[in-house]
Amino acid sequence: MATYLITGANRGIGYEYCRQLQARGETVIAVCRTASEELRQLGIQLEEGIDITSDASVADLRTRLADRAIDVLINNAGIIKRVTLEDLNFDSIREQFEVNALGSLRVTHAFLPNLKAGSRIVLMTSRMGSIADNTSGSSYGYRMSKVALSMAGKSLAHDLKPRGIAVAILHPGLVQTRMTNFTTGGITPEESVKGLLTRLNELTLENTGTFWHANGEVLPW
């Protein structure tokens, strides 16, 4: 049985990570600002009131968990806000960088003392953060912040490999969640997380830093 810490756990993919991992007997620590009722009903450890854009809030989470060993850190928390060239809202772009890129790096850095050789880190990025795959433009804040997150993941993979810690940079697919307005063309969170956990099972020090689709496809940078 391993210990998983999951940010953005209150709904969508984060909740589904918690549900599937708890169902198979893992120890799950769910981190969020405010827990949903469905998350509470799982009966797992909840750490609420955490804002990953705040140094003080993440430090508080670190204090709460003290020296608790973490086998897998899943940086799932993220936001998307539509920013077009015609409506170039720089405050929105900054907010997406703070949550999507800096927030995940902040949490990872804070919990490095809790990780050990054999631990693994997941960064939930997006295919929209692939420069080579960008064929439609727009979405400036989301695309740019996810590129930054992927670059952070690649650097972490190099820096942590000597410590025996592997890093996966994962795209969940197009998923039917509130973030995508429950798109009818997407897959379910259950299907997405099954694929994501399969990729996590395949993560080693040899393939650390890989940018994977949940379905196993290696995505272009």
N, C-alpha and C. Protein backbone atom coordinates (compact mmCIF):
# COMPACT_ATOMS: atom_id res chain seq x y z
N MET A 1 0.85 -1.20 0.00
CA MET A 1 0.00 0.00 0.00
C MET A 1 0.88 1.25 0.00
N ALA A 2 0.62 2.16 -0.94
CA ALA A 2 1.42 3.37 -1.08
C ALA A 2 0.60 4.59 -0.63
N THR A 3 1.31 5.68 -0.34
CA THR A 3 0.66 6.93 0.05
C THR A 3 0.72 7.91 -1.10
N TYR A 4 -0.46 8.39 -1.51
CA TYR A 4 -0.60 9.34 -2.61
C TYR A 4 -1.09 10.68 -2.06
N LEU A 5 -0.45 11.76 -2.46
CA LEU A 5 -0.94 13.11 -2.16
C LEU A 5 -1.43 13.71 -3.47
N ILE A 6 -2.69 14.18 -3.50
CA ILE A 6 -3.32 14.66 -4.73
C ILE A 6 -3.86 16.06 -4.50
N THR A 7 -3.41 17.02 -5.31
CA THR A 7 -3.95 18.38 -5.23
C THR A 7 -5.13 18.51 -6.18
N GLY A 8 -5.96 19.53 -5.93
CA GLY A 8 -7.15 19.73 -6.77
C GLY A 8 -8.08 18.53 -6.71
N ALA A 9 -8.26 17.99 -5.50
CA ALA A 9 -8.92 16.70 -5.35
C ALA A 9 -10.44 16.78 -5.22
N ASN A 10 -11.00 17.97 -5.21
CA ASN A 10 -12.42 18.06 -4.84
C ASN A 10 -13.39 17.63 -5.93
N ARG A 11 -12.95 17.63 -7.20
CA ARG A 11 -13.88 17.23 -8.26
C ARG A 11 -13.10 16.78 -9.48
N GLY A 12 -13.85 16.33 -10.51
CA GLY A 12 -13.24 16.01 -11.79
C GLY A 12 -12.18 14.93 -11.71
N ILE A 13 -11.08 15.16 -12.40
CA ILE A 13 -10.00 14.19 -12.46
C ILE A 13 -9.38 13.97 -11.09
N GLY A 14 -9.23 15.03 -10.30
CA GLY A 14 -8.65 14.88 -8.97
C GLY A 14 -9.47 13.97 -8.08
N TYR A 15 -10.78 14.18 -8.08
CA TYR A 15 -11.67 13.30 -7.31
C TYR A 15 -11.57 11.87 -7.81
N GLU A 16 -11.54 11.70 -9.12
CA GLU A 16 -11.50 10.34 -9.68
C GLU A 16 -10.19 9.63 -9.33
N TYR A 17 -9.09 10.36 -9.31
CA TYR A 17 -7.84 9.79 -8.81
C TYR A 17 -8.05 9.25 -7.39
N CYS A 18 -8.64 10.09 -6.54
CA CYS A 18 -8.87 9.70 -5.15
C CYS A 18 -9.76 8.46 -5.07
N ARG A 19 -10.82 8.45 -5.84
CA ARG A 19 -11.78 7.35 -5.78
C ARG A 19 -11.14 6.03 -6.21
N GLN A 20 -10.46 6.05 -7.34
CA GLN A 20 -9.86 4.81 -7.84
C GLN A 20 -8.73 4.30 -6.95
N LEU A 21 -7.93 5.21 -6.45
CA LEU A 21 -6.83 4.80 -5.58
C LEU A 21 -7.33 4.26 -4.25
N GLN A 22 -8.34 4.93 -3.70
CA GLN A 22 -8.92 4.46 -2.44
C GLN A 22 -9.55 3.09 -2.61
N ALA A 23 -10.20 2.87 -3.77
CA ALA A 23 -10.87 1.60 -4.03
C ALA A 23 -9.89 0.44 -4.11
N ARG A 24 -8.68 0.69 -4.52
CA ARG A 24 -7.70 -0.39 -4.61
C ARG A 24 -6.84 -0.51 -3.35
N GLY A 25 -7.19 0.28 -2.31
CA GLY A 25 -6.55 0.10 -1.02
C GLY A 25 -5.36 0.98 -0.73
N GLU A 26 -5.14 2.00 -1.56
CA GLU A 26 -4.02 2.90 -1.31
C GLU A 26 -4.38 3.92 -0.23
N THR A 27 -3.38 4.52 0.38
CA THR A 27 -3.59 5.61 1.31
C THR A 27 -3.60 6.92 0.52
N VAL A 28 -4.68 7.68 0.65
CA VAL A 28 -4.85 8.88 -0.16
C VAL A 28 -4.98 10.11 0.74
N ILE A 29 -4.20 11.14 0.41
CA ILE A 29 -4.31 12.45 1.07
C ILE A 29 -4.84 13.42 0.03
N ALA A 30 -6.06 13.89 0.22
CA ALA A 30 -6.73 14.76 -0.75
C ALA A 30 -6.57 16.21 -0.33
N VAL A 31 -5.98 17.00 -1.21
CA VAL A 31 -5.71 18.41 -0.92
C VAL A 31 -6.60 19.29 -1.80
N CYS A 32 -7.24 20.28 -1.20
CA CYS A 32 -8.11 21.17 -1.97
C CYS A 32 -8.39 22.43 -1.16
N ARG A 33 -9.03 23.39 -1.80
CA ARG A 33 -9.46 24.59 -1.07
C ARG A 33 -10.72 24.27 -0.26
N THR A 34 -11.71 23.66 -0.90
CA THR A 34 -12.94 23.27 -0.21
C THR A 34 -13.38 21.92 -0.74
N ALA A 35 -13.57 20.96 0.13
CA ALA A 35 -13.93 19.61 -0.28
C ALA A 35 -15.39 19.54 -0.73
N SER A 36 -15.63 18.82 -1.81
CA SER A 36 -16.99 18.55 -2.26
C SER A 36 -17.59 17.45 -1.38
N GLU A 37 -18.91 17.33 -1.40
CA GLU A 37 -19.56 16.31 -0.60
C GLU A 37 -19.16 14.91 -1.06
N GLU A 38 -19.02 14.73 -2.37
CA GLU A 38 -18.64 13.41 -2.87
C GLU A 38 -17.23 13.03 -2.41
N LEU A 39 -16.35 14.01 -2.31
CA LEU A 39 -15.01 13.73 -1.82
C LEU A 39 -15.06 13.36 -0.34
N ARG A 40 -15.86 14.06 0.44
CA ARG A 40 -15.98 13.75 1.86
C ARG A 40 -16.48 12.31 2.08
N GLN A 41 -17.35 11.88 1.21
CA GLN A 41 -17.95 10.56 1.37
C GLN A 41 -16.96 9.42 1.12
N LEU A 42 -15.81 9.72 0.53
CA LEU A 42 -14.82 8.67 0.32
C LEU A 42 -14.18 8.22 1.63
N GLY A 43 -14.22 9.09 2.63
CA GLY A 43 -13.65 8.72 3.92
C GLY A 43 -12.13 8.71 3.94
N ILE A 44 -11.50 9.47 3.06
CA ILE A 44 -10.04 9.54 3.03
C ILE A 44 -9.57 10.78 3.78
N GLN A 45 -8.27 10.91 3.97
CA GLN A 45 -7.72 12.07 4.66
C GLN A 45 -7.89 13.31 3.80
N LEU A 46 -8.51 14.36 4.38
CA LEU A 46 -8.74 15.61 3.67
C LEU A 46 -7.88 16.70 4.29
N GLU A 47 -7.23 17.47 3.42
CA GLU A 47 -6.50 18.65 3.84
C GLU A 47 -7.09 19.82 3.07
N GLU A 48 -7.99 20.54 3.75
CA GLU A 48 -8.72 21.63 3.10
C GLU A 48 -8.08 22.98 3.38
N GLY A 49 -8.57 23.99 2.67
CA GLY A 49 -8.11 25.35 2.89
C GLY A 49 -6.74 25.64 2.31
N ILE A 50 -6.33 24.85 1.33
CA ILE A 50 -4.99 25.00 0.76
C ILE A 50 -5.06 25.71 -0.59
N ASP A 51 -4.32 26.81 -0.69
CA ASP A 51 -4.22 27.57 -1.92
C ASP A 51 -2.80 27.39 -2.44
N ILE A 52 -2.65 26.68 -3.57
CA ILE A 52 -1.30 26.36 -4.05
C ILE A 52 -0.58 27.56 -4.65
N THR A 53 -1.26 28.71 -4.77
CA THR A 53 -0.58 29.91 -5.24
C THR A 53 0.04 30.69 -4.08
N SER A 54 -0.15 30.21 -2.87
CA SER A 54 0.33 30.91 -1.67
C SER A 54 1.47 30.14 -1.01
N ASP A 55 2.61 30.79 -0.85
CA ASP A 55 3.73 30.16 -0.14
C ASP A 55 3.33 29.75 1.27
N ALA A 56 2.61 30.64 1.96
CA ALA A 56 2.22 30.38 3.34
C ALA A 56 1.26 29.20 3.44
N SER A 57 0.32 29.12 2.50
CA SER A 57 -0.66 28.03 2.53
C SER A 57 0.01 26.69 2.27
N VAL A 58 0.91 26.64 1.31
CA VAL A 58 1.62 25.38 1.03
C VAL A 58 2.53 25.02 2.19
N ALA A 59 3.15 26.01 2.82
CA ALA A 59 3.97 25.75 4.00
C ALA A 59 3.12 25.19 5.14
N ASP A 60 1.88 25.68 5.26
CA ASP A 60 0.97 25.16 6.27
C ASP A 60 0.65 23.69 6.00
N LEU A 61 0.42 23.35 4.74
CA LEU A 61 0.17 21.95 4.39
C LEU A 61 1.38 21.09 4.75
N ARG A 62 2.55 21.57 4.45
CA ARG A 62 3.78 20.85 4.77
C ARG A 62 3.89 20.63 6.28
N THR A 63 3.52 21.64 7.07
CA THR A 63 3.56 21.52 8.53
C THR A 63 2.54 20.49 9.02
N ARG A 64 1.36 20.50 8.43
CA ARG A 64 0.31 19.54 8.82
C ARG A 64 0.79 18.10 8.62
N LEU A 65 1.49 17.86 7.51
CA LEU A 65 1.89 16.49 7.18
C LEU A 65 3.26 16.14 7.74
N ALA A 66 3.99 17.15 8.22
CA ALA A 66 5.29 16.96 8.88
C ALA A 66 6.19 16.04 8.07
N ASP A 67 6.64 14.96 8.66
CA ASP A 67 7.58 14.06 7.98
C ASP A 67 6.89 12.86 7.34
N ARG A 68 5.61 12.99 7.06
CA ARG A 68 4.85 11.91 6.44
C ARG A 68 5.47 11.52 5.09
N ALA A 69 5.80 10.26 4.93
CA ALA A 69 6.39 9.80 3.68
C ALA A 69 5.33 9.79 2.57
N ILE A 70 5.70 10.27 1.39
CA ILE A 70 4.81 10.30 0.24
C ILE A 70 5.44 9.48 -0.87
N ASP A 71 4.70 8.50 -1.34
CA ASP A 71 5.20 7.65 -2.43
C ASP A 71 4.92 8.26 -3.79
N VAL A 72 3.75 8.89 -3.94
CA VAL A 72 3.37 9.49 -5.23
C VAL A 72 2.74 10.85 -4.96
N LEU A 73 3.29 11.89 -5.58
CA LEU A 73 2.75 13.24 -5.49
C LEU A 73 2.11 13.58 -6.83
N ILE A 74 0.79 13.77 -6.84
CA ILE A 74 0.06 14.07 -8.07
C ILE A 74 -0.37 15.53 -8.04
N ASN A 75 0.31 16.34 -8.85
CA ASN A 75 -0.03 17.76 -8.97
C ASN A 75 -1.13 17.92 -10.00
N ASN A 76 -2.36 17.89 -9.53
CA ASN A 76 -3.52 17.89 -10.42
C ASN A 76 -4.22 19.24 -10.48
N ALA A 77 -4.08 20.08 -9.47
CA ALA A 77 -4.81 21.34 -9.43
C ALA A 77 -4.49 22.21 -10.64
N GLY A 78 -5.52 22.77 -11.24
CA GLY A 78 -5.31 23.64 -12.40
C GLY A 78 -6.58 24.38 -12.76
N ILE A 79 -6.43 25.43 -13.55
CA ILE A 79 -7.57 26.21 -14.02
C ILE A 79 -7.41 26.50 -15.50
N ILE A 80 -8.51 26.79 -16.15
CA ILE A 80 -8.49 27.24 -17.54
C ILE A 80 -9.43 28.43 -17.66
N LYS A 81 -8.93 29.49 -18.28
CA LYS A 81 -9.74 30.67 -18.57
C LYS A 81 -9.46 31.07 -20.01
N ARG A 82 -10.51 31.33 -20.74
CA ARG A 82 -10.37 31.63 -22.17
C ARG A 82 -9.78 33.02 -22.36
N VAL A 83 -8.63 33.07 -23.02
CA VAL A 83 -7.98 34.35 -23.32
C VAL A 83 -7.65 34.37 -24.81
N THR A 84 -8.32 35.24 -25.53
CA THR A 84 -8.11 35.35 -26.98
C THR A 84 -7.25 36.57 -27.29
N LEU A 85 -6.79 36.67 -28.52
CA LEU A 85 -6.01 37.83 -28.93
C LEU A 85 -6.85 39.10 -28.85
N GLU A 86 -8.13 38.97 -29.12
CA GLU A 86 -9.03 40.12 -29.07
C GLU A 86 -9.33 40.54 -27.64
N ASP A 87 -9.21 39.63 -26.70
CA ASP A 87 -9.47 39.91 -25.29
C ASP A 87 -8.28 39.41 -24.48
N LEU A 88 -7.16 40.10 -24.65
CA LEU A 88 -5.90 39.66 -24.04
C LEU A 88 -5.83 40.16 -22.60
N ASN A 89 -6.38 39.37 -21.70
CA ASN A 89 -6.48 39.73 -20.29
C ASN A 89 -5.23 39.25 -19.55
N PHE A 90 -4.32 40.16 -19.27
CA PHE A 90 -3.05 39.77 -18.67
C PHE A 90 -3.19 39.32 -17.22
N ASP A 91 -4.19 39.83 -16.52
CA ASP A 91 -4.43 39.35 -15.16
C ASP A 91 -4.82 37.88 -15.18
N SER A 92 -5.65 37.50 -16.15
CA SER A 92 -6.05 36.10 -16.29
C SER A 92 -4.86 35.22 -16.65
N ILE A 93 -4.01 35.71 -17.53
CA ILE A 93 -2.81 34.95 -17.91
C ILE A 93 -1.92 34.73 -16.69
N ARG A 94 -1.71 35.78 -15.90
CA ARG A 94 -0.88 35.66 -14.69
C ARG A 94 -1.48 34.65 -13.71
N GLU A 95 -2.79 34.70 -13.54
CA GLU A 95 -3.45 33.77 -12.62
C GLU A 95 -3.24 32.33 -13.06
N GLN A 96 -3.34 32.07 -14.37
CA GLN A 96 -3.15 30.71 -14.87
C GLN A 96 -1.70 30.25 -14.68
N PHE A 97 -0.75 31.15 -14.85
CA PHE A 97 0.64 30.80 -14.56
C PHE A 97 0.81 30.46 -13.08
N GLU A 98 0.20 31.25 -12.21
CA GLU A 98 0.34 31.03 -10.77
C GLU A 98 -0.20 29.67 -10.36
N VAL A 99 -1.36 29.30 -10.89
CA VAL A 99 -1.98 28.03 -10.51
C VAL A 99 -1.34 26.86 -11.26
N ASN A 100 -1.32 26.94 -12.57
CA ASN A 100 -0.95 25.79 -13.40
C ASN A 100 0.54 25.48 -13.38
N ALA A 101 1.37 26.49 -13.36
CA ALA A 101 2.81 26.26 -13.43
C ALA A 101 3.49 26.43 -12.07
N LEU A 102 3.41 27.63 -11.52
CA LEU A 102 4.11 27.89 -10.26
C LEU A 102 3.52 27.12 -9.09
N GLY A 103 2.21 26.94 -9.09
CA GLY A 103 1.58 26.21 -7.99
C GLY A 103 2.08 24.79 -7.88
N SER A 104 2.15 24.10 -9.00
CA SER A 104 2.64 22.72 -8.97
C SER A 104 4.11 22.65 -8.57
N LEU A 105 4.90 23.59 -9.06
CA LEU A 105 6.32 23.61 -8.68
C LEU A 105 6.47 23.93 -7.20
N ARG A 106 5.64 24.84 -6.71
CA ARG A 106 5.68 25.21 -5.28
C ARG A 106 5.38 24.00 -4.39
N VAL A 107 4.35 23.25 -4.73
CA VAL A 107 3.99 22.08 -3.94
C VAL A 107 5.09 21.02 -4.01
N THR A 108 5.60 20.78 -5.20
CA THR A 108 6.66 19.77 -5.37
C THR A 108 7.88 20.14 -4.55
N HIS A 109 8.30 21.39 -4.63
CA HIS A 109 9.48 21.83 -3.87
C HIS A 109 9.27 21.67 -2.37
N ALA A 110 8.07 22.04 -1.91
CA ALA A 110 7.79 21.96 -0.47
C ALA A 110 7.86 20.54 0.05
N PHE A 111 7.47 19.56 -0.79
CA PHE A 111 7.40 18.18 -0.31
C PHE A 111 8.58 17.31 -0.73
N LEU A 112 9.62 17.91 -1.25
CA LEU A 112 10.81 17.11 -1.57
C LEU A 112 11.35 16.35 -0.36
N PRO A 113 11.32 16.94 0.85
CA PRO A 113 11.80 16.18 2.01
C PRO A 113 10.95 14.95 2.32
N ASN A 114 9.72 14.91 1.84
CA ASN A 114 8.82 13.79 2.11
C ASN A 114 8.95 12.67 1.07
N LEU A 115 9.69 12.95 0.00
CA LEU A 115 9.89 11.97 -1.05
C LEU A 115 11.21 11.24 -0.84
N LYS A 116 11.28 10.04 -1.34
CA LYS A 116 12.48 9.22 -1.17
C LYS A 116 12.78 8.51 -2.48
N ALA A 117 13.90 7.81 -2.54
CA ALA A 117 14.21 7.02 -3.72
C ALA A 117 13.06 6.04 -3.98
N GLY A 118 12.57 6.05 -5.21
CA GLY A 118 11.42 5.22 -5.56
C GLY A 118 10.11 5.98 -5.58
N SER A 119 10.09 7.19 -5.00
CA SER A 119 8.88 8.01 -5.09
C SER A 119 8.71 8.51 -6.51
N ARG A 120 7.47 8.90 -6.82
CA ARG A 120 7.17 9.39 -8.16
C ARG A 120 6.35 10.68 -8.08
N ILE A 121 6.52 11.52 -9.10
CA ILE A 121 5.82 12.79 -9.18
C ILE A 121 5.06 12.85 -10.50
N VAL A 122 3.81 13.30 -10.43
CA VAL A 122 3.00 13.51 -11.63
C VAL A 122 2.69 14.99 -11.75
N LEU A 123 2.90 15.52 -12.95
CA LEU A 123 2.46 16.87 -13.28
C LEU A 123 1.37 16.75 -14.34
N MET A 124 0.17 17.22 -14.02
CA MET A 124 -0.94 17.15 -14.96
C MET A 124 -0.90 18.36 -15.88
N THR A 125 -0.37 18.15 -17.06
CA THR A 125 -0.29 19.22 -18.05
C THR A 125 -1.40 19.04 -19.08
N SER A 126 -1.16 19.43 -20.32
CA SER A 126 -2.20 19.33 -21.33
C SER A 126 -1.58 19.30 -22.71
N ARG A 127 -2.26 18.63 -23.63
CA ARG A 127 -1.84 18.65 -25.03
C ARG A 127 -1.87 20.08 -25.57
N MET A 128 -2.68 20.93 -24.97
CA MET A 128 -2.72 22.33 -25.38
C MET A 128 -1.42 23.06 -25.03
N GLY A 129 -0.58 22.42 -24.24
CA GLY A 129 0.73 22.96 -23.94
C GLY A 129 1.81 22.44 -24.88
N SER A 130 1.42 21.72 -25.92
CA SER A 130 2.38 21.26 -26.93
C SER A 130 2.52 22.33 -28.00
N ILE A 131 3.72 22.84 -28.20
CA ILE A 131 3.96 23.84 -29.23
C ILE A 131 3.76 23.24 -30.61
N ALA A 132 4.30 22.04 -30.81
CA ALA A 132 4.18 21.39 -32.12
C ALA A 132 2.74 21.05 -32.48
N ASP A 133 1.92 20.82 -31.46
CA ASP A 133 0.53 20.39 -31.70
C ASP A 133 -0.44 21.56 -31.79
N ASN A 134 0.04 22.78 -31.62
CA ASN A 134 -0.84 23.95 -31.64
C ASN A 134 -1.19 24.32 -33.07
N THR A 135 -2.39 23.95 -33.48
CA THR A 135 -2.85 24.23 -34.85
C THR A 135 -4.02 25.20 -34.88
N SER A 136 -4.40 25.73 -33.69
CA SER A 136 -5.59 26.58 -33.66
C SER A 136 -5.37 27.92 -32.95
N GLY A 137 -4.23 28.10 -32.27
CA GLY A 137 -3.94 29.37 -31.61
C GLY A 137 -4.84 29.65 -30.41
N SER A 138 -4.89 30.91 -30.02
CA SER A 138 -5.71 31.41 -28.92
C SER A 138 -5.37 30.72 -27.58
N SER A 139 -6.24 30.85 -26.59
CA SER A 139 -6.05 30.24 -25.26
C SER A 139 -4.67 30.57 -24.69
N TYR A 140 -4.31 31.85 -24.72
CA TYR A 140 -2.95 32.25 -24.39
C TYR A 140 -2.52 31.87 -22.98
N GLY A 141 -3.33 32.17 -22.00
CA GLY A 141 -2.93 31.88 -20.63
C GLY A 141 -2.79 30.39 -20.36
N TYR A 142 -3.74 29.62 -20.83
CA TYR A 142 -3.72 28.18 -20.57
C TYR A 142 -2.57 27.52 -21.31
N ARG A 143 -2.44 27.80 -22.60
CA ARG A 143 -1.37 27.18 -23.38
C ARG A 143 0.00 27.54 -22.80
N MET A 144 0.23 28.82 -22.55
CA MET A 144 1.54 29.27 -22.07
C MET A 144 1.87 28.69 -20.69
N SER A 145 0.87 28.63 -19.81
CA SER A 145 1.13 28.10 -18.47
C SER A 145 1.42 26.61 -18.50
N LYS A 146 0.79 25.88 -19.41
CA LYS A 146 1.03 24.45 -19.50
C LYS A 146 2.38 24.14 -20.14
N VAL A 147 2.82 24.98 -21.08
CA VAL A 147 4.19 24.84 -21.59
C VAL A 147 5.19 25.02 -20.45
N ALA A 148 4.96 26.04 -19.63
CA ALA A 148 5.84 26.30 -18.49
C ALA A 148 5.85 25.12 -17.51
N LEU A 149 4.68 24.55 -17.27
CA LEU A 149 4.60 23.40 -16.37
C LEU A 149 5.38 22.21 -16.92
N SER A 150 5.23 21.96 -18.21
CA SER A 150 5.96 20.85 -18.82
C SER A 150 7.47 21.06 -18.74
N MET A 151 7.91 22.30 -18.95
CA MET A 151 9.34 22.59 -18.82
C MET A 151 9.81 22.37 -17.39
N ALA A 152 9.00 22.77 -16.42
CA ALA A 152 9.35 22.50 -15.02
C ALA A 152 9.48 21.01 -14.78
N GLY A 153 8.56 20.24 -15.35
CA GLY A 153 8.60 18.79 -15.19
C GLY A 153 9.85 18.18 -15.79
N LYS A 154 10.27 18.68 -16.94
CA LYS A 154 11.48 18.16 -17.58
C LYS A 154 12.71 18.47 -16.74
N SER A 155 12.78 19.67 -16.19
CA SER A 155 13.91 20.02 -15.32
C SER A 155 13.89 19.19 -14.04
N LEU A 156 12.71 19.01 -13.46
CA LEU A 156 12.60 18.17 -12.27
C LEU A 156 13.06 16.75 -12.54
N ALA A 157 12.72 16.24 -13.73
CA ALA A 157 13.12 14.87 -14.08
C ALA A 157 14.64 14.74 -14.06
N HIS A 158 15.34 15.73 -14.61
CA HIS A 158 16.80 15.69 -14.61
C HIS A 158 17.36 15.86 -13.19
N ASP A 159 16.82 16.83 -12.46
CA ASP A 159 17.36 17.15 -11.14
C ASP A 159 17.11 16.06 -10.10
N LEU A 160 15.98 15.35 -10.25
CA LEU A 160 15.61 14.35 -9.24
C LEU A 160 16.02 12.92 -9.59
N LYS A 161 16.45 12.71 -10.81
CA LYS A 161 16.88 11.36 -11.21
C LYS A 161 18.00 10.83 -10.32
N PRO A 162 19.01 11.64 -9.98
CA PRO A 162 20.05 11.13 -9.08
C PRO A 162 19.53 10.74 -7.70
N ARG A 163 18.38 11.27 -7.31
CA ARG A 163 17.77 10.92 -6.02
C ARG A 163 16.86 9.70 -6.13
N GLY A 164 16.71 9.17 -7.35
CA GLY A 164 15.86 8.00 -7.54
C GLY A 164 14.39 8.33 -7.62
N ILE A 165 14.05 9.59 -7.96
CA ILE A 165 12.66 10.04 -8.05
C ILE A 165 12.31 10.31 -9.51
N ALA A 166 11.26 9.67 -10.02
CA ALA A 166 10.87 9.81 -11.42
C ALA A 166 9.69 10.76 -11.56
N VAL A 167 9.61 11.41 -12.72
CA VAL A 167 8.58 12.42 -12.99
C VAL A 167 7.84 12.09 -14.27
N ALA A 168 6.50 12.11 -14.21
CA ALA A 168 5.66 11.93 -15.39
C ALA A 168 4.94 13.23 -15.70
N ILE A 169 4.93 13.61 -16.98
CA ILE A 169 4.24 14.81 -17.45
C ILE A 169 3.05 14.30 -18.26
N LEU A 170 1.84 14.44 -17.74
CA LEU A 170 0.69 13.71 -18.28
C LEU A 170 -0.43 14.60 -18.79
N HIS A 171 -0.96 14.24 -19.94
CA HIS A 171 -2.16 14.85 -20.52
C HIS A 171 -3.32 13.87 -20.32
N PRO A 172 -4.42 14.31 -19.71
CA PRO A 172 -5.51 13.38 -19.39
C PRO A 172 -6.42 13.01 -20.54
N GLY A 173 -6.23 13.65 -21.70
CA GLY A 173 -7.19 13.50 -22.77
C GLY A 173 -8.25 14.58 -22.66
N LEU A 174 -9.17 14.60 -23.60
CA LEU A 174 -10.32 15.51 -23.52
C LEU A 174 -11.36 14.83 -22.64
N VAL A 175 -11.58 15.41 -21.46
CA VAL A 175 -12.36 14.73 -20.42
C VAL A 175 -13.63 15.51 -20.10
N GLN A 176 -14.69 14.80 -19.83
CA GLN A 176 -15.98 15.40 -19.51
C GLN A 176 -15.99 15.86 -18.05
N THR A 177 -15.48 17.08 -17.84
CA THR A 177 -15.47 17.67 -16.51
C THR A 177 -16.01 19.09 -16.59
N ARG A 178 -16.18 19.71 -15.44
CA ARG A 178 -16.66 21.10 -15.43
C ARG A 178 -15.69 22.02 -16.16
N MET A 179 -14.39 21.70 -16.11
CA MET A 179 -13.39 22.53 -16.77
C MET A 179 -13.62 22.59 -18.28
N THR A 180 -14.15 21.49 -18.86
CA THR A 180 -14.41 21.45 -20.31
C THR A 180 -15.89 21.62 -20.62
N ASN A 181 -16.65 22.09 -19.62
CA ASN A 181 -18.10 22.23 -19.78
C ASN A 181 -18.76 20.90 -20.16
N PHE A 182 -18.19 19.82 -19.61
CA PHE A 182 -18.73 18.47 -19.81
C PHE A 182 -18.92 18.16 -21.31
N THR A 183 -17.88 18.44 -22.06
CA THR A 183 -17.92 18.25 -23.51
C THR A 183 -18.43 16.86 -23.89
N THR A 184 -19.30 16.81 -24.88
CA THR A 184 -19.87 15.53 -25.30
C THR A 184 -18.86 14.72 -26.12
N GLY A 185 -17.81 15.35 -26.59
CA GLY A 185 -16.83 14.63 -27.39
C GLY A 185 -15.70 14.02 -26.59
N GLY A 186 -15.78 14.13 -25.27
CA GLY A 186 -14.68 13.67 -24.44
C GLY A 186 -14.92 12.31 -23.80
N ILE A 187 -13.91 11.85 -23.09
CA ILE A 187 -14.01 10.60 -22.33
C ILE A 187 -14.42 10.92 -20.90
N THR A 188 -14.81 9.90 -20.15
CA THR A 188 -15.21 10.10 -18.77
C THR A 188 -13.97 10.24 -17.88
N PRO A 189 -14.11 10.90 -16.73
CA PRO A 189 -13.00 10.95 -15.79
C PRO A 189 -12.51 9.55 -15.39
N GLU A 190 -13.42 8.61 -15.27
CA GLU A 190 -13.04 7.24 -14.91
C GLU A 190 -12.10 6.65 -15.95
N GLU A 191 -12.45 6.81 -17.23
CA GLU A 191 -11.60 6.28 -18.30
C GLU A 191 -10.25 6.98 -18.33
N SER A 192 -10.28 8.30 -18.16
CA SER A 192 -9.04 9.07 -18.17
C SER A 192 -8.09 8.62 -17.08
N VAL A 193 -8.59 8.52 -15.86
CA VAL A 193 -7.73 8.18 -14.73
C VAL A 193 -7.21 6.74 -14.83
N LYS A 194 -8.00 5.85 -15.39
CA LYS A 194 -7.48 4.49 -15.61
C LYS A 194 -6.23 4.54 -16.49
N GLY A 195 -6.30 5.34 -17.55
CA GLY A 195 -5.14 5.49 -18.42
C GLY A 195 -3.98 6.18 -17.72
N LEU A 196 -4.27 7.22 -16.96
CA LEU A 196 -3.23 7.95 -16.24
C LEU A 196 -2.51 7.06 -15.23
N LEU A 197 -3.25 6.22 -14.53
CA LEU A 197 -2.63 5.32 -13.56
C LEU A 197 -1.81 4.24 -14.25
N THR A 198 -2.22 3.86 -15.44
CA THR A 198 -1.41 2.92 -16.22
C THR A 198 -0.08 3.56 -16.59
N ARG A 199 -0.12 4.83 -17.01
CA ARG A 199 1.13 5.53 -17.33
C ARG A 199 2.00 5.65 -16.09
N LEU A 200 1.39 5.90 -14.95
CA LEU A 200 2.14 6.01 -13.71
C LEU A 200 2.81 4.68 -13.37
N ASN A 201 2.11 3.59 -13.60
CA ASN A 201 2.68 2.27 -13.33
C ASN A 201 3.89 1.99 -14.23
N GLU A 202 3.90 2.62 -15.42
CA GLU A 202 4.98 2.40 -16.38
C GLU A 202 6.16 3.36 -16.16
N LEU A 203 6.01 4.31 -15.26
CA LEU A 203 7.04 5.33 -15.03
C LEU A 203 8.26 4.73 -14.34
N THR A 204 9.44 4.97 -14.91
CA THR A 204 10.70 4.52 -14.35
C THR A 204 11.72 5.65 -14.45
N LEU A 205 12.89 5.42 -13.90
CA LEU A 205 13.96 6.40 -14.05
C LEU A 205 14.48 6.45 -15.49
N GLU A 206 14.22 5.39 -16.25
CA GLU A 206 14.65 5.38 -17.65
C GLU A 206 13.76 6.26 -18.52
N ASN A 207 12.46 6.35 -18.21
CA ASN A 207 11.58 7.18 -19.04
C ASN A 207 11.10 8.43 -18.30
N THR A 208 11.74 8.78 -17.20
CA THR A 208 11.36 9.98 -16.46
C THR A 208 11.41 11.20 -17.37
N GLY A 209 10.44 12.11 -17.17
CA GLY A 209 10.38 13.32 -17.98
C GLY A 209 9.63 13.17 -19.27
N THR A 210 8.99 12.02 -19.50
CA THR A 210 8.22 11.80 -20.73
C THR A 210 6.88 12.55 -20.68
N PHE A 211 6.49 13.12 -21.82
CA PHE A 211 5.22 13.83 -21.98
C PHE A 211 4.24 12.85 -22.62
N TRP A 212 3.36 12.28 -21.79
CA TRP A 212 2.46 11.21 -22.21
C TRP A 212 1.01 11.67 -22.29
N HIS A 213 0.31 11.14 -23.27
CA HIS A 213 -1.16 11.15 -23.29
C HIS A 213 -1.61 10.01 -22.38
N ALA A 214 -2.78 10.15 -21.78
CA ALA A 214 -3.31 9.08 -20.93
C ALA A 214 -3.43 7.76 -21.67
N ASN A 215 -3.59 7.82 -22.99
CA ASN A 215 -3.74 6.57 -23.77
C ASN A 215 -2.41 5.92 -24.11
N GLY A 216 -1.31 6.49 -23.67
CA GLY A 216 0.00 5.90 -23.89
C GLY A 216 0.81 6.56 -24.99
N GLU A 217 0.19 7.42 -25.78
CA GLU A 217 0.91 8.12 -26.85
C GLU A 217 1.92 9.09 -26.25
N VAL A 218 3.14 9.11 -26.78
CA VAL A 218 4.12 10.11 -26.38
C VAL A 218 3.88 11.35 -27.23
N LEU A 219 3.64 12.48 -26.55
CA LEU A 219 3.24 13.70 -27.24
C LEU A 219 4.46 14.57 -27.60
N PRO A 220 4.34 15.34 -28.67
CA PRO A 220 5.44 16.22 -29.07
C PRO A 220 5.50 17.46 -28.18
N TRP A 221 6.68 17.98 -28.01
CA TRP A 221 6.83 19.20 -27.22
C TRP A 221 6.34 20.42 -28.01
